[in-house]
Amino acid sequence: MYLAVYRFGPRWDFDVDACFCKGCPSCANPIVKRIASYKPSYKALDFDELRNKLMAGKSSLEELEDDADYQLNTEILRRR
């Protein structure tokens, strides 16, 4: 439940990393954009990906949050 709220719940006053990769060397110093508020849309594929990683039990909470943040950042930046 926490992870679903973390990923799909509204957020206020946060930074978005403008890099679409997951840690390539050229993104060591990514461009950060400040977002005043945002309400993510529910995406079943994103939810299933997070749920499967959670159920596998091989990811820490921090890793799961990182995956959720990556999904959210991608969603926001593709809309702009």
N, C-alpha and C. Protein backbone atom coordinates (compact mmCIF):
# COMPACT_ATOMS: atom_id res chain seq x y z
N MET A 1 0.82 -1.18 0.00
CA MET A 1 0.00 0.00 0.00
C MET A 1 0.87 1.26 0.00
N TYR A 2 1.89 1.29 0.85
CA TYR A 2 2.77 2.46 0.94
C TYR A 2 3.36 2.78 -0.43
N LEU A 3 3.86 1.77 -1.11
CA LEU A 3 4.53 1.99 -2.39
C LEU A 3 3.56 2.53 -3.44
N ALA A 4 2.32 2.07 -3.43
CA ALA A 4 1.32 2.57 -4.38
C ALA A 4 1.01 4.04 -4.11
N VAL A 5 0.87 4.41 -2.85
CA VAL A 5 0.61 5.81 -2.50
C VAL A 5 1.83 6.65 -2.84
N TYR A 6 3.02 6.12 -2.54
CA TYR A 6 4.26 6.85 -2.85
C TYR A 6 4.35 7.13 -4.35
N ARG A 7 4.02 6.15 -5.18
CA ARG A 7 4.15 6.30 -6.63
C ARG A 7 3.01 7.10 -7.26
N PHE A 8 1.77 6.82 -6.84
CA PHE A 8 0.62 7.38 -7.55
C PHE A 8 -0.11 8.49 -6.79
N GLY A 9 0.32 8.79 -5.57
CA GLY A 9 -0.31 9.86 -4.82
C GLY A 9 0.21 11.22 -5.24
N PRO A 10 -0.54 12.28 -4.90
CA PRO A 10 -0.10 13.63 -5.26
C PRO A 10 1.18 14.01 -4.53
N ARG A 11 1.95 14.89 -5.17
CA ARG A 11 3.20 15.39 -4.57
C ARG A 11 3.24 16.90 -4.70
N TRP A 12 3.93 17.53 -3.75
CA TRP A 12 4.06 18.97 -3.75
C TRP A 12 5.51 19.35 -3.53
N ASP A 13 5.94 20.40 -4.23
CA ASP A 13 7.25 21.01 -4.03
C ASP A 13 8.38 19.99 -4.00
N PHE A 14 8.70 19.45 -5.17
CA PHE A 14 9.75 18.43 -5.27
C PHE A 14 10.56 18.61 -6.54
N ASP A 15 11.70 17.96 -6.59
CA ASP A 15 12.60 18.03 -7.73
C ASP A 15 12.43 16.82 -8.64
N VAL A 16 12.55 17.06 -9.94
CA VAL A 16 12.51 16.00 -10.94
C VAL A 16 13.86 15.98 -11.65
N ASP A 17 14.44 14.81 -11.74
CA ASP A 17 15.71 14.60 -12.42
C ASP A 17 15.42 14.47 -13.91
N ALA A 18 16.03 15.32 -14.73
CA ALA A 18 15.75 15.34 -16.15
C ALA A 18 16.49 14.26 -16.95
N CYS A 19 17.08 13.32 -16.29
CA CYS A 19 17.77 12.23 -16.97
C CYS A 19 16.84 11.02 -17.03
N PHE A 20 16.70 10.42 -18.21
CA PHE A 20 15.81 9.27 -18.36
C PHE A 20 16.48 7.93 -18.07
N CYS A 21 17.78 7.91 -17.96
CA CYS A 21 18.45 6.64 -17.72
C CYS A 21 18.45 6.33 -16.23
N LYS A 22 19.05 5.26 -15.87
CA LYS A 22 19.15 4.88 -14.46
C LYS A 22 20.61 4.92 -14.03
N GLY A 23 21.25 6.07 -14.16
CA GLY A 23 22.59 6.24 -13.61
C GLY A 23 23.75 6.16 -14.56
N CYS A 24 23.55 6.53 -15.82
CA CYS A 24 24.68 6.50 -16.76
C CYS A 24 25.69 7.60 -16.39
N PRO A 25 26.94 7.45 -16.78
CA PRO A 25 27.97 8.43 -16.43
C PRO A 25 27.65 9.86 -16.89
N SER A 26 27.02 10.00 -18.05
CA SER A 26 26.73 11.35 -18.53
C SER A 26 25.64 12.04 -17.70
N CYS A 27 24.95 11.29 -16.88
CA CYS A 27 23.90 11.86 -16.03
C CYS A 27 24.37 12.01 -14.58
N ALA A 28 25.65 12.02 -14.38
CA ALA A 28 26.19 12.16 -13.02
C ALA A 28 25.77 13.49 -12.40
N ASN A 29 25.60 14.52 -13.24
CA ASN A 29 25.14 15.83 -12.77
C ASN A 29 23.89 16.22 -13.56
N PRO A 30 22.76 15.59 -13.26
CA PRO A 30 21.56 15.81 -14.06
C PRO A 30 20.97 17.20 -13.88
N ILE A 31 20.19 17.60 -14.84
CA ILE A 31 19.44 18.85 -14.75
C ILE A 31 18.22 18.56 -13.87
N VAL A 32 18.03 19.38 -12.84
CA VAL A 32 16.93 19.17 -11.92
C VAL A 32 15.89 20.26 -12.14
N LYS A 33 14.63 19.85 -12.22
CA LYS A 33 13.53 20.80 -12.37
C LYS A 33 12.68 20.77 -11.11
N ARG A 34 12.28 21.94 -10.64
CA ARG A 34 11.44 22.05 -9.46
C ARG A 34 9.97 22.01 -9.90
N ILE A 35 9.18 21.18 -9.25
CA ILE A 35 7.76 21.03 -9.56
C ILE A 35 6.96 21.50 -8.34
N ALA A 36 6.04 22.42 -8.55
CA ALA A 36 5.23 22.95 -7.44
C ALA A 36 4.23 21.92 -6.94
N SER A 37 3.51 21.27 -7.86
CA SER A 37 2.57 20.20 -7.48
C SER A 37 2.29 19.33 -8.70
N TYR A 38 1.94 18.08 -8.42
CA TYR A 38 1.69 17.14 -9.50
C TYR A 38 0.85 15.98 -8.97
N LYS A 39 -0.16 15.58 -9.75
CA LYS A 39 -0.96 14.40 -9.42
C LYS A 39 -0.72 13.37 -10.51
N PRO A 40 0.04 12.33 -10.20
CA PRO A 40 0.34 11.30 -11.20
C PRO A 40 -0.92 10.56 -11.65
N SER A 41 -0.88 10.05 -12.86
CA SER A 41 -1.96 9.20 -13.33
C SER A 41 -1.59 7.75 -13.04
N TYR A 42 -2.62 6.95 -12.75
CA TYR A 42 -2.40 5.53 -12.47
C TYR A 42 -2.08 4.81 -13.77
N LYS A 43 -1.03 4.01 -13.73
CA LYS A 43 -0.65 3.20 -14.89
C LYS A 43 -0.47 1.76 -14.40
N ALA A 44 -1.32 0.89 -14.88
CA ALA A 44 -1.31 -0.50 -14.43
C ALA A 44 0.04 -1.18 -14.66
N LEU A 45 0.69 -0.88 -15.78
CA LEU A 45 1.99 -1.51 -16.06
C LEU A 45 3.04 -1.08 -15.03
N ASP A 46 3.04 0.20 -14.66
CA ASP A 46 3.97 0.68 -13.63
C ASP A 46 3.67 0.01 -12.29
N PHE A 47 2.37 -0.05 -11.95
CA PHE A 47 1.97 -0.69 -10.70
C PHE A 47 2.42 -2.15 -10.66
N ASP A 48 2.16 -2.87 -11.74
CA ASP A 48 2.53 -4.29 -11.81
C ASP A 48 4.04 -4.47 -11.68
N GLU A 49 4.81 -3.58 -12.31
CA GLU A 49 6.27 -3.68 -12.22
C GLU A 49 6.73 -3.52 -10.76
N LEU A 50 6.19 -2.52 -10.10
CA LEU A 50 6.57 -2.30 -8.69
C LEU A 50 6.10 -3.45 -7.80
N ARG A 51 4.87 -3.90 -8.00
CA ARG A 51 4.34 -5.00 -7.20
C ARG A 51 5.17 -6.27 -7.38
N ASN A 52 5.55 -6.56 -8.61
CA ASN A 52 6.35 -7.76 -8.86
C ASN A 52 7.71 -7.69 -8.17
N LYS A 53 8.33 -6.51 -8.21
CA LYS A 53 9.62 -6.34 -7.52
C LYS A 53 9.45 -6.48 -6.01
N LEU A 54 8.37 -5.93 -5.49
CA LEU A 54 8.09 -6.03 -4.06
C LEU A 54 7.86 -7.48 -3.65
N MET A 55 7.04 -8.19 -4.41
CA MET A 55 6.71 -9.57 -4.08
C MET A 55 7.92 -10.50 -4.22
N ALA A 56 8.84 -10.17 -5.09
CA ALA A 56 10.05 -10.99 -5.26
C ALA A 56 10.93 -10.90 -4.01
N GLY A 57 10.80 -9.82 -3.25
CA GLY A 57 11.53 -9.68 -2.00
C GLY A 57 13.03 -9.45 -2.15
N LYS A 58 13.46 -9.05 -3.32
CA LYS A 58 14.90 -8.87 -3.56
C LYS A 58 15.33 -7.40 -3.55
N SER A 59 14.36 -6.49 -3.42
CA SER A 59 14.66 -5.06 -3.45
C SER A 59 14.40 -4.45 -2.09
N SER A 60 15.27 -3.52 -1.70
CA SER A 60 15.06 -2.79 -0.46
C SER A 60 13.98 -1.72 -0.69
N LEU A 61 13.48 -1.15 0.39
CA LEU A 61 12.50 -0.08 0.27
C LEU A 61 13.08 1.09 -0.51
N GLU A 62 14.33 1.41 -0.25
CA GLU A 62 14.99 2.50 -0.97
C GLU A 62 15.05 2.22 -2.47
N GLU A 63 15.36 1.00 -2.85
CA GLU A 63 15.41 0.64 -4.27
C GLU A 63 14.02 0.73 -4.91
N LEU A 64 13.00 0.30 -4.18
CA LEU A 64 11.63 0.38 -4.69
C LEU A 64 11.20 1.84 -4.84
N GLU A 65 11.55 2.68 -3.89
CA GLU A 65 11.25 4.11 -4.00
C GLU A 65 11.98 4.73 -5.18
N ASP A 66 13.22 4.32 -5.40
CA ASP A 66 13.99 4.82 -6.56
C ASP A 66 13.29 4.43 -7.86
N ASP A 67 12.80 3.20 -7.94
CA ASP A 67 12.08 2.75 -9.14
C ASP A 67 10.81 3.57 -9.34
N ALA A 68 10.08 3.82 -8.24
CA ALA A 68 8.86 4.62 -8.32
C ALA A 68 9.18 6.05 -8.75
N ASP A 69 10.27 6.61 -8.21
CA ASP A 69 10.68 7.96 -8.60
C ASP A 69 11.04 8.02 -10.08
N TYR A 70 11.73 7.00 -10.56
CA TYR A 70 12.10 6.95 -11.97
C TYR A 70 10.84 6.93 -12.85
N GLN A 71 9.86 6.12 -12.47
CA GLN A 71 8.61 6.08 -13.23
C GLN A 71 7.93 7.45 -13.23
N LEU A 72 7.87 8.08 -12.06
CA LEU A 72 7.22 9.38 -11.94
C LEU A 72 7.96 10.45 -12.75
N ASN A 73 9.29 10.50 -12.61
CA ASN A 73 10.07 11.47 -13.36
C ASN A 73 9.86 11.31 -14.86
N THR A 74 9.86 10.09 -15.33
CA THR A 74 9.65 9.81 -16.75
C THR A 74 8.27 10.30 -17.18
N GLU A 75 7.26 10.02 -16.37
CA GLU A 75 5.90 10.47 -16.68
C GLU A 75 5.83 12.00 -16.80
N ILE A 76 6.40 12.68 -15.86
CA ILE A 76 6.36 14.15 -15.84
C ILE A 76 7.10 14.74 -17.03
N LEU A 77 8.29 14.27 -17.27
CA LEU A 77 9.13 14.86 -18.32
C LEU A 77 8.63 14.54 -19.73
N ARG A 78 7.97 13.44 -19.90
CA ARG A 78 7.43 13.10 -21.23
C ARG A 78 6.21 13.94 -21.56
N ARG A 79 5.54 14.46 -20.54
CA ARG A 79 4.36 15.30 -20.77
C ARG A 79 4.74 16.70 -21.20
N ARG A 80 5.94 17.12 -20.92
CA ARG A 80 6.35 18.51 -21.18
C ARG A 80 6.94 18.66 -22.56
